[in-house]
C-alpha cells in the first residue's frame, strides 16, 4: 500500500527540485514558497 504524502510535503519537494534546476532560482523560490505558506495556513 502506498504511503500518502501531504500536499505541503509535495510542495516542499518540488521547491527543492526547482531551486536546483531552475534558471531563476530566486523567482522560483518566491513562487513556491508562497504556495507552501498558503498550503500550510
PDB file of N, CA and C in Angstrom:
ATOM      1  N   UNK A   1       0.844  -1.172   0.000  1.00  0.00           N
ATOM      2  CA  UNK A   1       0.000   0.000   0.000  1.00  0.00           C
ATOM      3  C   UNK A   1       0.895   1.243   0.000  1.00  0.00           C
ATOM      4  N   UNK A   2       0.518   2.219  -0.817  1.00  0.00           N
ATOM      5  CA  UNK A   2       1.307   3.440  -0.946  1.00  0.00           C
ATOM      6  C   UNK A   2       1.079   4.356   0.250  1.00  0.00           C
ATOM      7  N   UNK A   3       2.135   5.030   0.652  1.00  0.00           N
ATOM      8  CA  UNK A   3       2.050   5.986   1.738  1.00  0.00           C
ATOM      9  C   UNK A   3       1.564   7.321   1.171  1.00  0.00           C
ATOM     10  N   UNK A   4       0.597   7.915   1.841  1.00  0.00           N
ATOM     11  CA  UNK A   4       0.060   9.203   1.396  1.00  0.00           C
ATOM     12  C   UNK A   4       1.010  10.319   1.820  1.00  0.00           C
ATOM     13  N   UNK A   5       1.366  11.161   0.853  1.00  0.00           N
ATOM     14  CA  UNK A   5       2.256  12.291   1.120  1.00  0.00           C
ATOM     15  C   UNK A   5       1.393  13.549   1.160  1.00  0.00           C
ATOM     16  N   UNK A   6       1.451  14.312   2.262  1.00  0.00           N
ATOM     17  CA  UNK A   6       0.656  15.532   2.354  1.00  0.00           C
ATOM     18  C   UNK A   6       1.029  16.525   1.244  1.00  0.00           C
ATOM     19  N   UNK A   7       0.052  17.318   0.769  1.00  0.00           N
ATOM     20  CA  UNK A   7       0.342  18.299  -0.287  1.00  0.00           C
ATOM     21  C   UNK A   7       1.465  19.262   0.079  1.00  0.00           C
ATOM     22  N   UNK A   8       1.552  19.650   1.349  1.00  0.00           N
ATOM     23  CA  UNK A   8       2.617  20.575   1.732  1.00  0.00           C
ATOM     24  C   UNK A   8       3.994  19.928   1.567  1.00  0.00           C
ATOM     25  N   UNK A   9       4.093  18.634   1.836  1.00  0.00           N
ATOM     26  CA  UNK A   9       5.367  17.924   1.672  1.00  0.00           C
ATOM     27  C   UNK A   9       5.714  17.809   0.192  1.00  0.00           C
ATOM     28  N   UNK A  10       4.693  17.581  -0.647  1.00  0.00           N
ATOM     29  CA  UNK A  10       4.925  17.527  -2.088  1.00  0.00           C
ATOM     30  C   UNK A  10       5.448  18.865  -2.587  1.00  0.00           C
ATOM     31  N   UNK A  11       4.893  19.971  -2.067  1.00  0.00           N
ATOM     32  CA  UNK A  11       5.347  21.297  -2.475  1.00  0.00           C
ATOM     33  C   UNK A  11       6.777  21.553  -2.021  1.00  0.00           C
ATOM     34  N   UNK A  12       7.122  21.109  -0.822  1.00  0.00           N
ATOM     35  CA  UNK A  12       8.492  21.274  -0.332  1.00  0.00           C
ATOM     36  C   UNK A  12       9.468  20.557  -1.260  1.00  0.00           C
ATOM     37  N   UNK A  13       9.124  19.339  -1.645  1.00  0.00           N
ATOM     38  CA  UNK A  13       9.988  18.574  -2.526  1.00  0.00           C
ATOM     39  C   UNK A  13      10.122  19.257  -3.880  1.00  0.00           C
ATOM     40  N   UNK A  14       9.012  19.782  -4.407  1.00  0.00           N
ATOM     41  CA  UNK A  14       9.050  20.479  -5.690  1.00  0.00           C
ATOM     42  C   UNK A  14       9.900  21.741  -5.586  1.00  0.00           C
ATOM     43  N   UNK A  15       9.809  22.442  -4.465  1.00  0.00           N
ATOM     44  CA  UNK A  15      10.599  23.659  -4.262  1.00  0.00           C
ATOM     45  C   UNK A  15      12.088  23.347  -4.332  1.00  0.00           C
ATOM     46  N   UNK A  16      12.530  22.337  -3.617  1.00  0.00           N
ATOM     47  CA  UNK A  16      13.944  21.987  -3.617  1.00  0.00           C
ATOM     48  C   UNK A  16      14.409  21.552  -5.001  1.00  0.00           C
ATOM     49  N   UNK A  17      13.576  20.790  -5.699  1.00  0.00           N
ATOM     50  CA  UNK A  17      13.925  20.356  -7.053  1.00  0.00           C
ATOM     51  C   UNK A  17      14.037  21.554  -7.984  1.00  0.00           C
ATOM     52  N   UNK A  18      13.062  22.464  -7.908  1.00  0.00           N
ATOM     53  CA  UNK A  18      13.075  23.642  -8.776  1.00  0.00           C
ATOM     54  C   UNK A  18      14.267  24.547  -8.476  1.00  0.00           C
ATOM     55  N   UNK A  19      14.630  24.672  -7.210  1.00  0.00           N
ATOM     56  CA  UNK A  19      15.771  25.523  -6.860  1.00  0.00           C
ATOM     57  C   UNK A  19      17.059  25.000  -7.484  1.00  0.00           C
ATOM     58  N   UNK A  20      17.158  23.692  -7.583  1.00  0.00           N
ATOM     59  CA  UNK A  20      18.380  23.097  -8.126  1.00  0.00           C
ATOM     60  C   UNK A  20      18.419  23.121  -9.649  1.00  0.00           C
ATOM     61  N   UNK A  21      17.253  23.183 -10.299  1.00  0.00           N
ATOM     62  CA  UNK A  21      17.223  23.061 -11.757  1.00  0.00           C
ATOM     63  C   UNK A  21      16.729  24.310 -12.484  1.00  0.00           C
ATOM     64  N   UNK A  22      16.210  25.289 -11.770  1.00  0.00           N
ATOM     65  CA  UNK A  22      15.608  26.464 -12.395  1.00  0.00           C
ATOM     66  C   UNK A  22      16.668  27.457 -12.856  1.00  0.00           C
ATOM     67  N   UNK A  23      16.355  28.170 -13.935  1.00  0.00           N
ATOM     68  CA  UNK A  23      17.232  29.234 -14.402  1.00  0.00           C
ATOM     69  C   UNK A  23      17.084  30.492 -13.556  1.00  0.00           C
ATOM     70  N   UNK A  24      15.959  30.601 -12.830  1.00  0.00           N
ATOM     71  CA  UNK A  24      15.679  31.759 -11.975  1.00  0.00           C
ATOM     72  C   UNK A  24      15.367  31.243 -10.567  1.00  0.00           C
ATOM     73  N   UNK A  25      16.387  30.845  -9.807  1.00  0.00           N
ATOM     74  CA  UNK A  25      16.121  30.212  -8.513  1.00  0.00           C
ATOM     75  C   UNK A  25      15.424  31.124  -7.509  1.00  0.00           C
ATOM     76  N   UNK A  26      15.715  32.430  -7.519  1.00  0.00           N
ATOM     77  CA  UNK A  26      15.064  33.321  -6.557  1.00  0.00           C
ATOM     78  C   UNK A  26      13.587  33.496  -6.877  1.00  0.00           C
ATOM     79  N   UNK A  27      13.264  33.669  -8.147  1.00  0.00           N
ATOM     80  CA  UNK A  27      11.862  33.796  -8.546  1.00  0.00           C
ATOM     81  C   UNK A  27      11.088  32.524  -8.254  1.00  0.00           C
ATOM     82  N   UNK A  28      11.702  31.400  -8.538  1.00  0.00           N
ATOM     83  CA  UNK A  28      11.048  30.108  -8.290  1.00  0.00           C
ATOM     84  C   UNK A  28      10.880  29.876  -6.795  1.00  0.00           C
ATOM     85  N   UNK A  29      11.864  30.253  -6.009  1.00  0.00           N
ATOM     86  CA  UNK A  29      11.758  30.093  -4.554  1.00  0.00           C
ATOM     87  C   UNK A  29      10.628  30.950  -4.004  1.00  0.00           C
ATOM     88  N   UNK A  30      10.493  32.161  -4.510  1.00  0.00           N
ATOM     89  CA  UNK A  30       9.417  33.045  -4.049  1.00  0.00           C
ATOM     90  C   UNK A  30       8.056  32.468  -4.409  1.00  0.00           C
ATOM     91  N   UNK A  31       7.917  31.980  -5.619  1.00  0.00           N
ATOM     92  CA  UNK A  31       6.637  31.434  -6.073  1.00  0.00           C
ATOM     93  C   UNK A  31       6.267  30.179  -5.281  1.00  0.00           C
ATOM     94  N   UNK A  32       7.195  29.251  -5.187  1.00  0.00           N
ATOM     95  CA  UNK A  32       6.928  28.003  -4.468  1.00  0.00           C
ATOM     96  C   UNK A  32       6.775  28.240  -2.971  1.00  0.00           C
ATOM     97  N   UNK A  33       7.567  29.151  -2.436  1.00  0.00           N
ATOM     98  CA  UNK A  33       7.467  29.467  -1.010  1.00  0.00           C
ATOM     99  C   UNK A  33       6.111  30.041  -0.664  1.00  0.00           C
ATOM    100  N   UNK A  34       5.594  30.912  -1.523  1.00  0.00           N
ATOM    101  CA  UNK A  34       4.259  31.478  -1.307  1.00  0.00           C
ATOM    102  C   UNK A  34       3.205  30.376  -1.346  1.00  0.00           C
ATOM    103  N   UNK A  35       3.323  29.451  -2.290  1.00  0.00           N
ATOM    104  CA  UNK A  35       2.382  28.327  -2.363  1.00  0.00           C
ATOM    105  C   UNK A  35       2.442  27.498  -1.083  1.00  0.00           C
ATOM    106  N   UNK A  36       3.634  27.250  -0.598  1.00  0.00           N
ATOM    107  CA  UNK A  36       3.812  26.436   0.605  1.00  0.00           C
ATOM    108  C   UNK A  36       3.194  27.113   1.816  1.00  0.00           C
ATOM    109  N   UNK A  37       3.405  28.409   1.949  1.00  0.00           N
ATOM    110  CA  UNK A  37       2.834  29.150   3.073  1.00  0.00           C
ATOM    111  C   UNK A  37       1.312  29.096   3.026  1.00  0.00           C
ATOM    112  N   UNK A  38       0.741  29.318   1.852  1.00  0.00           N
ATOM    113  CA  UNK A  38      -0.713  29.276   1.720  1.00  0.00           C
ATOM    114  C   UNK A  38      -1.262  27.872   2.007  1.00  0.00           C
ATOM    115  N   UNK A  39      -0.531  26.849   1.582  1.00  0.00           N
ATOM    116  CA  UNK A  39      -0.982  25.478   1.818  1.00  0.00           C
ATOM    117  C   UNK A  39      -0.989  25.136   3.306  1.00  0.00           C
ATOM    118  N   UNK A  40       0.000  25.608   4.035  1.00  0.00           N
ATOM    119  CA  UNK A  40       0.091  25.278   5.462  1.00  0.00           C
ATOM    120  C   UNK A  40      -0.825  26.130   6.307  1.00  0.00           C
ATOM    121  N   UNK A  41      -1.297  27.266   5.769  1.00  0.00           N
ATOM    122  CA  UNK A  41      -2.166  28.177   6.528  1.00  0.00           C
ATOM    123  C   UNK A  41      -3.575  27.630   6.666  1.00  0.00           C
TER     124      UNK A  41
END
